[in-house]
Each structure stands twice: as C-alpha cells, then as structure tokens.
Amino acid sequence: MVTIEEQVKKIKKEKRLGLMTHVIVGYPSLRKTIRLVKLMAAEGADFIELQIPFSDPLADGPTIMKACEEALAHGTKVRDAFVAMETLSSQVAIPLLFMGYYNTVFRYGVEKFCKDAKKAGAAGLIIPDMPLEEEEEEHFLQFAKKYNLPVIRVVSPASTVSRLQKNAKYAEGFVYCSARQGITGVRKDLDPHLAAYLKIVKKYIKQPLAVGFGISSPKHIKALKPHAEIAVVGSALVKITQECKGKEREQKVRTFVRSLML
C-alpha cells in the first residue's frame, strides 16, 4: 500500500482534487464494509476512512450516528476493525486510515492500538477528540510516531490562530479541515465563508488540506477545487448505504464516487 505522502504527490502530479471517502466498519455488515471499500477504491478514491463505531460519536451527525449504532448492535468490535483493515490493506493500493474517538483508543490501550493499527496496514489515524494538551498525559502522538503512523490533525472555523499554529507544528500527511462548525452531515450548499477560512488556514499550515463536513455533490467538489487538495465525502455515501440494498447500493455508490472524480 502506498503512503499518504505518496498518494498526495500522485494527486498533485495529476493536477486534480483528491477524494477521501468514508465507511463505518460493520455497517451494513463487516463483509459489506469490505466490499464497499474495494468498490470505492476501484472507482478512484484516493483515501478511505474506516470509522471504528462508537456509541457517542460527538463530531458525527444523525446519518453516521445511526450507522454506528447499527454496527454496534450487530456486535462489531474494535478487533473487527483491525480484521477489516488487515484484509483490505493487502488488497487495496490506496492509503486506508482509521477514524475513531479517543475513548476507543484509550480502552484498547494507546500503545497497543497504535502498534496493532500499523500491523494491520493502516496508513494513518484520525482521532478528532484527542487534544494536544493531553499528550503529556496520554502519549498518543508519541506511540503513533514510534510505529510510524501519521496522526491527521483536525481544525475547524472555530480554530484560533494559536490553535492553527499548534496544529501546524504536529501536522503530518495532510490536515483535515471541517467546512463548518458543528457535526457531519449532507448539506445543500457550502458555507459562503469557506474559501476565506481556508485561506487563513493556509497562512499557518503548509500541509495539504482535506475538507469535509457537508461535501456531498459534484457541485461542492468544483467549488472546493481551487482551495484545497482533498475533498472528504462521508455522510452522503453512508446515506446511500442506508437507503439502498444489494446490487442497487453497489451501483449507486459506484456512480456517486465516479461523479466526484473531477
């Protein structure tokens, strides 16, 4: 599997906006999660987030929250996420990242989680609720670095200049920018202040920018293209998996991912 850096270089060379898609491990089932990731990769996704389901996903809206609840109700465990990652990392050529919440990492064991994630083939981690101020106590970044596992920093329109500067110091791979304050979810229009916000972020952060939270159509992708390196599409894809079944689900996911490759 290629690294995050290698994939970013490929995107830049091809002069296009990269695409990161999203699945919840165990939803609709573990087997179908694996199938969906392969399908998205085949249609051109550059990165895929494998979200480890959690009972209280603070940054997520109702669509992803419902999918997490159903995955947990099916009995999905953290070890299933590692099984999915190990299976997929040997079959998919793009970087796969674990997305989750720090409670999951903490309960599993911080060093053990980082070690096992790397062993399973994860290209990086996105843990949005792990503040830098807790590092001295938790040693999360320390262990991630020990196992050569980039931790993607997350910023939002509420991030102050000092916060952006602090995140810039620890940024690896790319920086995830939420397109608005609040939770994930499909939106009709992008925030009109998004371009100005991303311009401010770029003053302090030199890593490529991935923008998510509400990115859900080719129109959004076109609008975002001059201002970022990667578009993140999550809830819109999860919504398709909730509304469709079987072959129809797979075909609609294929068609939708293909439509985002601009």
C-alpha atoms as a PDB file:
ATOM      1  CA  MET A   1       0.000   0.000   0.000  1.00  0.00           C
ATOM      2  CA  VAL A   2       1.220   3.493  -0.806  1.00  0.00           C
ATOM      3  CA  THR A   3       1.759   6.045   1.945  1.00  0.00           C
ATOM      4  CA  ILE A   4      -0.274   9.216   2.470  1.00  0.00           C
ATOM      5  CA  GLU A   5       2.651  11.301   1.174  1.00  0.00           C
ATOM      6  CA  GLU A   6       2.970   9.190  -1.971  1.00  0.00           C
ATOM      7  CA  GLN A   7      -0.744   9.488  -2.700  1.00  0.00           C
ATOM      8  CA  VAL A   8      -0.684  13.265  -2.169  1.00  0.00           C
ATOM      9  CA  LYS A   9       2.211  13.521  -4.649  1.00  0.00           C
ATOM     10  CA  LYS A  10       0.200  11.481  -7.167  1.00  0.00           C
ATOM     11  CA  ILE A  11      -2.809  13.808  -6.791  1.00  0.00           C
ATOM     12  CA  LYS A  12      -0.622  16.896  -7.275  1.00  0.00           C
ATOM     13  CA  LYS A  13       1.081  15.383 -10.318  1.00  0.00           C
ATOM     14  CA  GLU A  14      -2.315  14.688 -11.886  1.00  0.00           C
ATOM     15  CA  LYS A  15      -3.432  18.273 -11.064  1.00  0.00           C
ATOM     16  CA  ARG A  16      -6.761  17.283  -9.574  1.00  0.00           C
ATOM     17  CA  LEU A  17      -8.620  17.393  -6.295  1.00  0.00           C
ATOM     18  CA  GLY A  18      -8.111  14.232  -4.273  1.00  0.00           C
ATOM     19  CA  LEU A  19     -11.027  12.311  -2.788  1.00  0.00           C
ATOM     20  CA  MET A  20     -11.316  10.657   0.616  1.00  0.00           C
ATOM     21  CA  THR A  21     -14.400   8.543   1.206  1.00  0.00           C
ATOM     22  CA  HIS A  22     -15.758   7.014   4.390  1.00  0.00           C
ATOM     23  CA  VAL A  23     -17.260   3.781   5.730  1.00  0.00           C
ATOM     24  CA  ILE A  24     -18.316   2.624   9.176  1.00  0.00           C
ATOM     25  CA  VAL A  25     -16.779  -0.743   9.977  1.00  0.00           C
ATOM     26  CA  GLY A  26     -19.557  -3.310  10.444  1.00  0.00           C
ATOM     27  CA  TYR A  27     -22.208  -1.325   8.596  1.00  0.00           C
ATOM     28  CA  PRO A  28     -24.225  -2.688   6.925  1.00  0.00           C
ATOM     29  CA  SER A  29     -22.072  -5.722   7.889  1.00  0.00           C
ATOM     30  CA  LEU A  30     -18.366  -6.472   8.101  1.00  0.00           C
ATOM     31  CA  ARG A  31     -18.431  -8.334   4.788  1.00  0.00           C
ATOM     32  CA  LYS A  32     -20.276  -5.470   3.087  1.00  0.00           C
ATOM     33  CA  THR A  33     -17.900  -2.892   4.573  1.00  0.00           C
ATOM     34  CA  ILE A  34     -15.005  -4.704   2.931  1.00  0.00           C
ATOM     35  CA  ARG A  35     -16.942  -4.895  -0.325  1.00  0.00           C
ATOM     36  CA  LEU A  36     -17.742  -1.170  -0.275  1.00  0.00           C
ATOM     37  CA  VAL A  37     -14.121  -0.158   0.382  1.00  0.00           C
ATOM     38  CA  LYS A  38     -12.916  -2.234  -2.566  1.00  0.00           C
ATOM     39  CA  LEU A  39     -15.599  -0.725  -4.749  1.00  0.00           C
ATOM     40  CA  MET A  40     -14.724   2.879  -3.775  1.00  0.00           C
ATOM     41  CA  ALA A  41     -11.038   2.232  -4.372  1.00  0.00           C
ATOM     42  CA  ALA A  42     -11.790   0.726  -7.785  1.00  0.00           C
ATOM     43  CA  GLU A  43     -13.748   3.861  -8.736  1.00  0.00           C
ATOM     44  CA  GLY A  44     -10.823   6.140  -7.939  1.00  0.00           C
ATOM     45  CA  ALA A  45     -10.992   7.186  -4.280  1.00  0.00           C
ATOM     46  CA  ASP A  46      -7.540   8.318  -3.098  1.00  0.00           C
ATOM     47  CA  PHE A  47      -8.004   7.645   0.619  1.00  0.00           C
ATOM     48  CA  ILE A  48     -10.692   5.865   2.627  1.00  0.00           C
ATOM     49  CA  GLU A  49     -11.541   6.385   6.287  1.00  0.00           C
ATOM     50  CA  LEU A  50     -12.551   3.235   8.152  1.00  0.00           C
ATOM     51  CA  GLN A  51     -14.528   4.539  11.109  1.00  0.00           C
ATOM     52  CA  ILE A  52     -14.461   2.360  14.208  1.00  0.00           C
ATOM     53  CA  PRO A  53     -18.052   2.516  15.511  1.00  0.00           C
ATOM     54  CA  PHE A  54     -18.509   4.234  18.848  1.00  0.00           C
ATOM     55  CA  SER A  55     -21.614   4.761  20.972  1.00  0.00           C
ATOM     56  CA  ASP A  56     -21.189   8.537  21.292  1.00  0.00           C
ATOM     57  CA  PRO A  57     -19.553   9.908  18.113  1.00  0.00           C
ATOM     58  CA  LEU A  58     -19.508  13.588  19.081  1.00  0.00           C
ATOM     59  CA  ALA A  59     -18.487  15.026  15.712  1.00  0.00           C
ATOM     60  CA  ASP A  60     -20.990  12.994  13.715  1.00  0.00           C
ATOM     61  CA  GLY A  61     -24.497  13.833  12.613  1.00  0.00           C
ATOM     62  CA  PRO A  62     -27.563  11.563  12.598  1.00  0.00           C
ATOM     63  CA  THR A  63     -26.632   9.630   9.444  1.00  0.00           C
ATOM     64  CA  ILE A  64     -23.267   8.378  10.701  1.00  0.00           C
ATOM     65  CA  MET A  65     -24.517   8.111  14.284  1.00  0.00           C
ATOM     66  CA  LYS A  66     -27.291   5.743  13.183  1.00  0.00           C
ATOM     67  CA  ALA A  67     -24.820   3.645  11.190  1.00  0.00           C
ATOM     68  CA  CYS A  68     -22.519   3.426  14.247  1.00  0.00           C
ATOM     69  CA  GLU A  69     -25.450   2.338  16.426  1.00  0.00           C
ATOM     70  CA  GLU A  70     -26.422  -0.383  13.961  1.00  0.00           C
ATOM     71  CA  ALA A  71     -22.829  -1.613  13.597  1.00  0.00           C
ATOM     72  CA  LEU A  72     -22.539  -1.889  17.393  1.00  0.00           C
ATOM     73  CA  ALA A  73     -25.941  -3.600  17.591  1.00  0.00           C
ATOM     74  CA  HIS A  74     -24.608  -6.204  15.155  1.00  0.00           C
ATOM     75  CA  GLY A  75     -21.805  -6.881  17.630  1.00  0.00           C
ATOM     76  CA  THR A  76     -18.975  -5.078  15.806  1.00  0.00           C
ATOM     77  CA  LYS A  77     -15.854  -4.876  17.988  1.00  0.00           C
ATOM     78  CA  VAL A  78     -12.576  -2.990  17.672  1.00  0.00           C
ATOM     79  CA  ARG A  79     -10.892  -6.241  16.694  1.00  0.00           C
ATOM     80  CA  ASP A  80     -13.267  -6.435  13.692  1.00  0.00           C
ATOM     81  CA  ALA A  81     -11.892  -3.086  12.523  1.00  0.00           C
ATOM     82  CA  PHE A  82      -8.373  -4.497  12.643  1.00  0.00           C
ATOM     83  CA  VAL A  83      -9.523  -7.586  10.721  1.00  0.00           C
ATOM     84  CA  ALA A  84     -11.130  -5.379   8.062  1.00  0.00           C
ATOM     85  CA  MET A  85      -8.008  -3.205   7.823  1.00  0.00           C
ATOM     86  CA  GLU A  86      -5.698  -6.199   7.534  1.00  0.00           C
ATOM     87  CA  THR A  87      -7.878  -7.764   4.845  1.00  0.00           C
ATOM     88  CA  LEU A  88      -8.200  -4.576   2.832  1.00  0.00           C
ATOM     89  CA  SER A  89      -4.645  -3.256   3.147  1.00  0.00           C
ATOM     90  CA  SER A  90      -3.404  -6.369   1.355  1.00  0.00           C
ATOM     91  CA  GLN A  91      -5.934  -5.947  -1.479  1.00  0.00           C
ATOM     92  CA  VAL A  92      -6.315  -2.168  -1.955  1.00  0.00           C
ATOM     93  CA  ALA A  93      -3.469   0.015  -3.225  1.00  0.00           C
ATOM     94  CA  ILE A  94      -4.574   3.357  -1.702  1.00  0.00           C
ATOM     95  CA  PRO A  95      -3.976   4.588   1.884  1.00  0.00           C
ATOM     96  CA  LEU A  96      -6.623   3.457   4.381  1.00  0.00           C
ATOM     97  CA  LEU A  97      -6.966   5.403   7.627  1.00  0.00           C
ATOM     98  CA  PHE A  98      -8.646   4.544  10.897  1.00  0.00           C
ATOM     99  CA  MET A  99     -11.050   7.219  12.091  1.00  0.00           C
ATOM    100  CA  GLY A 100     -12.406   6.979  15.615  1.00  0.00           C
ATOM    101  CA  TYR A 101     -12.699   8.522  19.053  1.00  0.00           C
ATOM    102  CA  TYR A 102     -10.083   8.572  21.753  1.00  0.00           C
ATOM    103  CA  ASN A 103     -12.167   6.586  24.236  1.00  0.00           C
ATOM    104  CA  THR A 104     -11.788   3.600  21.905  1.00  0.00           C
ATOM    105  CA  VAL A 105      -8.013   4.065  21.699  1.00  0.00           C
ATOM    106  CA  PHE A 106      -7.700   4.551  25.459  1.00  0.00           C
ATOM    107  CA  ARG A 107      -9.760   1.484  26.358  1.00  0.00           C
ATOM    108  CA  TYR A 108      -7.864  -0.687  23.886  1.00  0.00           C
ATOM    109  CA  GLY A 109      -4.528   0.577  25.200  1.00  0.00           C
ATOM    110  CA  VAL A 110      -2.812   3.505  23.494  1.00  0.00           C
ATOM    111  CA  GLU A 111       0.448   1.830  22.520  1.00  0.00           C
ATOM    112  CA  LYS A 112      -1.282  -1.463  21.661  1.00  0.00           C
ATOM    113  CA  PHE A 113      -3.773   0.366  19.455  1.00  0.00           C
ATOM    114  CA  CYS A 114      -1.025   2.176  17.518  1.00  0.00           C
ATOM    115  CA  LYS A 115       1.040  -0.989  17.197  1.00  0.00           C
ATOM    116  CA  ASP A 116      -1.898  -3.121  16.033  1.00  0.00           C
ATOM    117  CA  ALA A 117      -3.180  -0.427  13.649  1.00  0.00           C
ATOM    118  CA  LYS A 118       0.206  -0.264  11.944  1.00  0.00           C
ATOM    119  CA  LYS A 119       0.476  -4.047  11.835  1.00  0.00           C
ATOM    120  CA  ALA A 120      -2.967  -4.260  10.230  1.00  0.00           C
ATOM    121  CA  GLY A 121      -1.860  -1.861   7.485  1.00  0.00           C
ATOM    122  CA  ALA A 122      -3.372   1.488   8.499  1.00  0.00           C
ATOM    123  CA  ALA A 123      -1.721   4.415   6.705  1.00  0.00           C
ATOM    124  CA  GLY A 124      -2.743   6.898   9.390  1.00  0.00           C
ATOM    125  CA  LEU A 125      -5.158   7.814  12.186  1.00  0.00           C
ATOM    126  CA  ILE A 126      -7.867  10.466  12.514  1.00  0.00           C
ATOM    127  CA  ILE A 127      -8.879  10.894  16.168  1.00  0.00           C
ATOM    128  CA  PRO A 128     -10.642  14.292  16.295  1.00  0.00           C
ATOM    129  CA  ASP A 129     -11.296  14.438  20.051  1.00  0.00           C
ATOM    130  CA  MET A 130      -7.700  13.915  21.214  1.00  0.00           C
ATOM    131  CA  PRO A 131      -6.462  17.431  22.150  1.00  0.00           C
ATOM    132  CA  LEU A 132      -2.768  18.236  22.003  1.00  0.00           C
ATOM    133  CA  GLU A 133      -2.953  19.466  25.592  1.00  0.00           C
ATOM    134  CA  GLU A 134      -3.484  15.874  26.771  1.00  0.00           C
ATOM    135  CA  GLU A 135      -0.401  14.474  25.025  1.00  0.00           C
ATOM    136  CA  GLU A 136       1.850  14.804  28.065  1.00  0.00           C
ATOM    137  CA  GLU A 137      -0.534  12.530  29.953  1.00  0.00           C
ATOM    138  CA  GLU A 138      -1.684  10.185  27.175  1.00  0.00           C
ATOM    139  CA  HIS A 139       1.452   9.815  24.947  1.00  0.00           C
ATOM    140  CA  PHE A 140      -0.766   9.153  21.943  1.00  0.00           C
ATOM    141  CA  LEU A 141       1.372  11.043  19.421  1.00  0.00           C
ATOM    142  CA  GLN A 142       4.488   9.521  20.948  1.00  0.00           C
ATOM    143  CA  PHE A 143       3.273   5.973  20.356  1.00  0.00           C
ATOM    144  CA  ALA A 144       1.888   6.776  16.911  1.00  0.00           C
ATOM    145  CA  LYS A 145       5.296   8.148  15.940  1.00  0.00           C
ATOM    146  CA  LYS A 146       7.020   5.085  17.418  1.00  0.00           C
ATOM    147  CA  TYR A 147       5.063   2.903  14.999  1.00  0.00           C
ATOM    148  CA  ASN A 148       5.419   5.332  12.056  1.00  0.00           C
ATOM    149  CA  LEU A 149       1.699   6.075  11.968  1.00  0.00           C
ATOM    150  CA  PRO A 150       0.796   9.642  10.910  1.00  0.00           C
ATOM    151  CA  VAL A 151      -1.889  11.314  13.014  1.00  0.00           C
ATOM    152  CA  ILE A 152      -4.072  13.659  10.967  1.00  0.00           C
ATOM    153  CA  ARG A 153      -4.744  16.920  12.758  1.00  0.00           C
ATOM    154  CA  VAL A 154      -8.284  18.342  12.642  1.00  0.00           C
ATOM    155  CA  VAL A 155      -9.136  22.056  12.564  1.00  0.00           C
ATOM    156  CA  SER A 156     -12.393  23.982  12.208  1.00  0.00           C
ATOM    157  CA  PRO A 157     -13.640  27.537  11.581  1.00  0.00           C
ATOM    158  CA  ALA A 158     -13.545  27.960  15.373  1.00  0.00           C
ATOM    159  CA  SER A 159      -9.781  27.286  15.498  1.00  0.00           C
ATOM    160  CA  THR A 160      -7.851  30.333  16.682  1.00  0.00           C
ATOM    161  CA  VAL A 161      -4.549  31.438  15.169  1.00  0.00           C
ATOM    162  CA  SER A 162      -2.674  29.975  18.145  1.00  0.00           C
ATOM    163  CA  ARG A 163      -4.581  26.717  17.646  1.00  0.00           C
ATOM    164  CA  LEU A 164      -3.680  26.616  13.959  1.00  0.00           C
ATOM    165  CA  GLN A 165      -0.035  27.279  14.794  1.00  0.00           C
ATOM    166  CA  LYS A 166      -0.017  24.489  17.355  1.00  0.00           C
ATOM    167  CA  ASN A 167      -1.606  22.034  14.914  1.00  0.00           C
ATOM    168  CA  ALA A 168       0.858  23.089  12.220  1.00  0.00           C
ATOM    169  CA  LYS A 169       3.691  22.013  14.500  1.00  0.00           C
ATOM    170  CA  TYR A 170       2.344  18.448  14.688  1.00  0.00           C
ATOM    171  CA  ALA A 171       0.738  18.120  11.236  1.00  0.00           C
ATOM    172  CA  GLU A 172       1.566  15.024   9.196  1.00  0.00           C
ATOM    173  CA  GLY A 173       0.282  13.813   5.841  1.00  0.00           C
ATOM    174  CA  PHE A 174      -2.499  16.352   5.494  1.00  0.00           C
ATOM    175  CA  VAL A 175      -4.723  18.426   7.771  1.00  0.00           C
ATOM    176  CA  TYR A 176      -8.454  17.741   7.998  1.00  0.00           C
ATOM    177  CA  CYS A 177     -10.471  20.985   7.898  1.00  0.00           C
ATOM    178  CA  SER A 178     -14.143  20.820   8.790  1.00  0.00           C
ATOM    179  CA  ALA A 179     -16.003  23.030   6.344  1.00  0.00           C
ATOM    180  CA  ARG A 180     -18.208  24.401   9.107  1.00  0.00           C
ATOM    181  CA  GLN A 181     -18.703  24.279  12.852  1.00  0.00           C
ATOM    182  CA  GLY A 182     -20.920  21.522  14.184  1.00  0.00           C
ATOM    183  CA  ILE A 183     -21.433  17.920  13.121  1.00  0.00           C
ATOM    184  CA  THR A 184     -21.097  15.904   9.917  1.00  0.00           C
ATOM    185  CA  GLY A 185     -24.000  15.632   7.501  1.00  0.00           C
ATOM    186  CA  VAL A 186     -25.182  16.303   3.963  1.00  0.00           C
ATOM    187  CA  ARG A 187     -25.730  19.976   3.128  1.00  0.00           C
ATOM    188  CA  LYS A 188     -27.204  21.627   0.029  1.00  0.00           C
ATOM    189  CA  ASP A 189     -24.667  24.458  -0.101  1.00  0.00           C
ATOM    190  CA  LEU A 190     -21.156  25.074   1.181  1.00  0.00           C
ATOM    191  CA  ASP A 191     -20.530  27.755   3.782  1.00  0.00           C
ATOM    192  CA  PRO A 192     -20.059  31.048   1.877  1.00  0.00           C
ATOM    193  CA  HIS A 193     -17.127  31.867   4.155  1.00  0.00           C
ATOM    194  CA  LEU A 194     -15.307  28.578   3.431  1.00  0.00           C
ATOM    195  CA  ALA A 195     -12.778  29.982   0.938  1.00  0.00           C
ATOM    196  CA  ALA A 196     -11.788  32.798   3.307  1.00  0.00           C
ATOM    197  CA  TYR A 197     -11.414  30.343   6.190  1.00  0.00           C
ATOM    198  CA  LEU A 198      -9.196  28.007   4.147  1.00  0.00           C
ATOM    199  CA  LYS A 199      -7.054  30.964   3.098  1.00  0.00           C
ATOM    200  CA  ILE A 200      -6.410  31.725   6.772  1.00  0.00           C
ATOM    201  CA  VAL A 201      -5.593  28.070   7.486  1.00  0.00           C
ATOM    202  CA  LYS A 202      -3.047  28.051   4.638  1.00  0.00           C
ATOM    203  CA  LYS A 203      -1.228  31.012   6.194  1.00  0.00           C
ATOM    204  CA  TYR A 204      -0.233  28.835   9.138  1.00  0.00           C
ATOM    205  CA  ILE A 205      -0.409  25.247   7.876  1.00  0.00           C
ATOM    206  CA  LYS A 206       1.751  24.108   4.956  1.00  0.00           C
ATOM    207  CA  GLN A 207       0.454  20.534   4.772  1.00  0.00           C
ATOM    208  CA  PRO A 208      -2.198  19.718   2.130  1.00  0.00           C
ATOM    209  CA  LEU A 209      -5.759  20.468   3.235  1.00  0.00           C
ATOM    210  CA  ALA A 210      -8.566  17.896   3.231  1.00  0.00           C
ATOM    211  CA  VAL A 211     -12.013  19.437   3.624  1.00  0.00           C
ATOM    212  CA  GLY A 212     -15.049  17.569   4.924  1.00  0.00           C
ATOM    213  CA  PHE A 213     -18.378  18.081   6.747  1.00  0.00           C
ATOM    214  CA  GLY A 214     -21.150  18.599   4.205  1.00  0.00           C
ATOM    215  CA  ILE A 215     -19.232  17.883   0.980  1.00  0.00           C
ATOM    216  CA  SER A 216     -21.830  15.848  -0.883  1.00  0.00           C
ATOM    217  CA  SER A 217     -22.064  16.685  -4.594  1.00  0.00           C
ATOM    218  CA  PRO A 218     -20.019  17.316  -7.752  1.00  0.00           C
ATOM    219  CA  LYS A 219     -21.029  20.994  -7.390  1.00  0.00           C
ATOM    220  CA  HIS A 220     -19.325  21.099  -3.984  1.00  0.00           C
ATOM    221  CA  ILE A 221     -16.219  19.434  -5.420  1.00  0.00           C
ATOM    222  CA  LYS A 222     -15.960  22.033  -8.193  1.00  0.00           C
ATOM    223  CA  ALA A 223     -16.320  24.878  -5.697  1.00  0.00           C
ATOM    224  CA  LEU A 224     -13.715  23.372  -3.392  1.00  0.00           C
ATOM    225  CA  LYS A 225     -11.122  22.515  -6.041  1.00  0.00           C
ATOM    226  CA  PRO A 226      -9.284  25.892  -6.070  1.00  0.00           C
ATOM    227  CA  HIS A 227      -8.991  25.997  -2.287  1.00  0.00           C
ATOM    228  CA  ALA A 228      -7.935  22.517  -1.081  1.00  0.00           C
ATOM    229  CA  GLU A 229      -6.089  19.362  -2.080  1.00  0.00           C
ATOM    230  CA  ILE A 230      -8.575  16.712  -0.895  1.00  0.00           C
ATOM    231  CA  ALA A 231     -12.365  16.557  -0.587  1.00  0.00           C
ATOM    232  CA  VAL A 232     -13.817  14.332   2.132  1.00  0.00           C
ATOM    233  CA  VAL A 233     -17.201  12.751   1.413  1.00  0.00           C
ATOM    234  CA  GLY A 234     -18.719  10.684   4.211  1.00  0.00           C
ATOM    235  CA  SER A 235     -22.354  11.159   5.194  1.00  0.00           C
ATOM    236  CA  ALA A 236     -23.578  11.255   1.582  1.00  0.00           C
ATOM    237  CA  LEU A 237     -22.085   7.812   0.972  1.00  0.00           C
ATOM    238  CA  VAL A 238     -23.363   6.387   4.250  1.00  0.00           C
ATOM    239  CA  LYS A 239     -26.819   7.742   3.333  1.00  0.00           C
ATOM    240  CA  ILE A 240     -26.723   5.729   0.107  1.00  0.00           C
ATOM    241  CA  THR A 241     -25.879   2.560   2.040  1.00  0.00           C
ATOM    242  CA  GLN A 242     -28.847   3.238   4.327  1.00  0.00           C
ATOM    243  CA  GLU A 243     -31.324   3.915   1.550  1.00  0.00           C
ATOM    244  CA  CYS A 244     -30.346   1.152  -0.898  1.00  0.00           C
ATOM    245  CA  LYS A 245     -29.674  -2.568  -0.741  1.00  0.00           C
ATOM    246  CA  GLY A 246     -27.769  -5.224  -2.641  1.00  0.00           C
ATOM    247  CA  LYS A 247     -26.815  -4.516  -6.245  1.00  0.00           C
ATOM    248  CA  GLU A 248     -28.642  -1.181  -6.236  1.00  0.00           C
ATOM    249  CA  ARG A 249     -26.496   0.011  -3.301  1.00  0.00           C
ATOM    250  CA  GLU A 250     -23.286  -1.012  -5.032  1.00  0.00           C
ATOM    251  CA  GLN A 251     -24.281   0.586  -8.317  1.00  0.00           C
ATOM    252  CA  LYS A 252     -25.311   3.862  -6.676  1.00  0.00           C
ATOM    253  CA  VAL A 253     -22.070   4.017  -4.676  1.00  0.00           C
ATOM    254  CA  ARG A 254     -20.083   3.369  -7.854  1.00  0.00           C
ATOM    255  CA  THR A 255     -21.958   6.046  -9.788  1.00  0.00           C
ATOM    256  CA  PHE A 256     -21.699   8.586  -6.978  1.00  0.00           C
ATOM    257  CA  VAL A 257     -17.948   8.110  -6.384  1.00  0.00           C
ATOM    258  CA  ARG A 258     -17.356   8.300 -10.129  1.00  0.00           C
ATOM    259  CA  SER A 259     -19.283  11.584 -10.296  1.00  0.00           C
ATOM    260  CA  LEU A 260     -16.938  13.101  -7.681  1.00  0.00           C
ATOM    261  CA  MET A 261     -13.761  12.377  -9.630  1.00  0.00           C
ATOM    262  CA  LEU A 262     -13.229  15.798 -11.190  1.00  0.00           C
END
